[in-house]
C-alpha atoms as a PDB file:
ATOM      1  CA  MET A   1     -43.751  -7.531 -18.817  1.00  0.00           C
ATOM      2  CA  SER A   2     -44.370  -5.683 -21.948  1.00  0.00           C
ATOM      3  CA  GLU A   3     -44.939  -2.076 -22.351  1.00  0.00           C
ATOM      4  CA  GLU A   4     -48.382  -1.009 -23.724  1.00  0.00           C
ATOM      5  CA  THR A   5     -48.347   1.278 -26.773  1.00  0.00           C
ATOM      6  CA  PHE A   6     -50.884   2.856 -28.958  1.00  0.00           C
ATOM      7  CA  PHE A   7     -49.180   1.799 -32.059  1.00  0.00           C
ATOM      8  CA  GLU A   8     -49.214  -1.428 -33.912  1.00  0.00           C
ATOM      9  CA  PHE A   9     -45.622  -2.172 -35.124  1.00  0.00           C
ATOM     10  CA  PRO A  10     -44.407  -2.045 -37.783  1.00  0.00           C
ATOM     11  CA  CYS A  11     -45.981   1.208 -38.841  1.00  0.00           C
ATOM     12  CA  ARG A  12     -45.081   4.449 -40.635  1.00  0.00           C
ATOM     13  CA  PHE A  13     -44.203   7.088 -38.183  1.00  0.00           C
ATOM     14  CA  PRO A  14     -43.122  10.760 -38.728  1.00  0.00           C
ATOM     15  CA  ILE A  15     -40.407  12.103 -36.598  1.00  0.00           C
ATOM     16  CA  LYS A  16     -39.957  15.798 -36.466  1.00  0.00           C
ATOM     17  CA  ALA A  17     -37.000  17.788 -35.253  1.00  0.00           C
ATOM     18  CA  MET A  18     -36.507  21.560 -35.075  1.00  0.00           C
ATOM     19  CA  GLY A  19     -33.318  23.657 -34.944  1.00  0.00           C
ATOM     20  CA  LYS A  20     -31.651  26.785 -36.094  1.00  0.00           C
ATOM     21  CA  THR A  21     -30.951  27.242 -40.022  1.00  0.00           C
ATOM     22  CA  ASP A  22     -27.195  27.998 -39.374  1.00  0.00           C
ATOM     23  CA  ILE A  23     -26.356  24.306 -39.916  1.00  0.00           C
ATOM     24  CA  GLU A  24     -27.519  21.599 -42.301  1.00  0.00           C
ATOM     25  CA  LEU A  25     -30.065  20.332 -39.904  1.00  0.00           C
ATOM     26  CA  ASP A  26     -31.661  18.148 -42.488  1.00  0.00           C
ATOM     27  CA  LEU A  27     -28.445  16.146 -42.917  1.00  0.00           C
ATOM     28  CA  LEU A  28     -27.804  15.915 -39.189  1.00  0.00           C
ATOM     29  CA  VAL A  29     -31.358  14.619 -38.356  1.00  0.00           C
ATOM     30  CA  ILE A  30     -30.987  12.089 -41.178  1.00  0.00           C
ATOM     31  CA  GLU A  31     -27.637  10.848 -39.856  1.00  0.00           C
ATOM     32  CA  ILE A  32     -29.108  10.481 -36.369  1.00  0.00           C
ATOM     33  CA  ILE A  33     -32.133   8.633 -37.461  1.00  0.00           C
ATOM     34  CA  SER A  34     -29.977   6.401 -39.903  1.00  0.00           C
ATOM     35  CA  ARG A  35     -28.231   5.021 -36.749  1.00  0.00           C
ATOM     36  CA  HIS A  36     -31.681   3.201 -36.008  1.00  0.00           C
ATOM     37  CA  VAL A  37     -33.350   2.785 -39.402  1.00  0.00           C
ATOM     38  CA  PRO A  38     -31.595   0.745 -42.124  1.00  0.00           C
ATOM     39  CA  VAL A  39     -33.222   2.752 -45.089  1.00  0.00           C
ATOM     40  CA  ILE A  40     -34.378   6.350 -45.434  1.00  0.00           C
ATOM     41  CA  ASN A  41     -35.801   7.388 -48.763  1.00  0.00           C
ATOM     42  CA  LYS A  42     -35.367  10.920 -50.008  1.00  0.00           C
ATOM     43  CA  GLU A  43     -39.141  10.987 -50.475  1.00  0.00           C
ATOM     44  CA  SER A  44     -39.759  10.567 -46.781  1.00  0.00           C
ATOM     45  CA  VAL A  45     -37.834  13.582 -45.783  1.00  0.00           C
ATOM     46  CA  SER A  46     -39.339  17.009 -45.785  1.00  0.00           C
ATOM     47  CA  THR A  47     -38.218  20.359 -44.434  1.00  0.00           C
ATOM     48  CA  ARG A  48     -40.076  23.535 -43.661  1.00  0.00           C
ATOM     49  CA  PRO A  49     -38.444  26.842 -42.657  1.00  0.00           C
ATOM     50  CA  SER A  50     -39.923  29.217 -39.963  1.00  0.00           C
ATOM     51  CA  LYS A  51     -41.669  32.306 -40.974  1.00  0.00           C
ATOM     52  CA  ASP A  52     -38.526  34.535 -40.514  1.00  0.00           C
ATOM     53  CA  GLY A  53     -36.276  31.736 -41.706  1.00  0.00           C
ATOM     54  CA  ASN A  54     -34.238  31.500 -38.546  1.00  0.00           C
ATOM     55  CA  TYR A  55     -35.454  27.898 -37.732  1.00  0.00           C
ATOM     56  CA  LEU A  56     -35.921  24.752 -39.781  1.00  0.00           C
ATOM     57  CA  SER A  57     -38.292  21.811 -39.066  1.00  0.00           C
ATOM     58  CA  VAL A  58     -37.273  18.485 -40.635  1.00  0.00           C
ATOM     59  CA  THR A  59     -39.748  15.682 -40.740  1.00  0.00           C
ATOM     60  CA  VAL A  60     -38.622  12.081 -41.618  1.00  0.00           C
ATOM     61  CA  THR A  61     -41.224   9.271 -41.902  1.00  0.00           C
ATOM     62  CA  ILE A  62     -39.772   5.914 -41.017  1.00  0.00           C
ATOM     63  CA  GLU A  63     -41.141   2.355 -40.931  1.00  0.00           C
ATOM     64  CA  ALA A  64     -40.945   1.999 -37.119  1.00  0.00           C
ATOM     65  CA  THR A  65     -40.495  -1.499 -35.755  1.00  0.00           C
ATOM     66  CA  SER A  66     -40.781  -0.959 -32.011  1.00  0.00           C
ATOM     67  CA  LYS A  67     -41.311   1.402 -29.138  1.00  0.00           C
ATOM     68  CA  GLN A  68     -37.673   0.904 -28.161  1.00  0.00           C
ATOM     69  CA  GLN A  69     -36.487   1.952 -31.635  1.00  0.00           C
ATOM     70  CA  LEU A  70     -38.585   5.202 -31.381  1.00  0.00           C
ATOM     71  CA  ASP A  71     -37.385   5.777 -27.918  1.00  0.00           C
ATOM     72  CA  ALA A  72     -33.646   5.495 -28.983  1.00  0.00           C
ATOM     73  CA  ILE A  73     -34.260   7.870 -32.022  1.00  0.00           C
ATOM     74  CA  TYR A  74     -35.855  10.530 -29.796  1.00  0.00           C
ATOM     75  CA  GLN A  75     -33.063  10.273 -27.035  1.00  0.00           C
ATOM     76  CA  ASP A  76     -30.384  10.648 -29.750  1.00  0.00           C
ATOM     77  CA  LEU A  77     -32.046  13.689 -31.206  1.00  0.00           C
ATOM     78  CA  HIS A  78     -32.719  15.210 -27.868  1.00  0.00           C
ATOM     79  CA  ASP A  79     -29.068  14.685 -26.878  1.00  0.00           C
ATOM     80  CA  HIS A  80     -27.716  16.645 -29.820  1.00  0.00           C
ATOM     81  CA  PRO A  81     -27.099  20.361 -29.118  1.00  0.00           C
ATOM     82  CA  HIS A  82     -28.237  21.500 -32.446  1.00  0.00           C
ATOM     83  CA  VAL A  83     -31.717  19.847 -32.103  1.00  0.00           C
ATOM     84  CA  LEU A  84     -33.825  22.201 -30.119  1.00  0.00           C
ATOM     85  CA  MET A  85     -37.112  20.387 -30.181  1.00  0.00           C
ATOM     86  CA  THR A  86     -38.631  17.102 -31.294  1.00  0.00           C
ATOM     87  CA  LEU A  87     -42.201  15.952 -31.936  1.00  0.00           C
END
């Protein structure tokens, strides 16, 4: 039985993670996503600080190959204590 999804794989997919700025969150997010994606280009990573500079948003756009891959990435991000939110 296959799971239904709204996406047609492979597809470009942005993954956003947010956390405090007291660590190098961008490097952490890239390291976690790299466990599931063979290649991440520098051009596919963007960061944005919050208005007061206390939080950082990191967006990494990947070439997603399956729903299972995305689920695994989001689970790993969610499980890390420095990642406060994912979208």
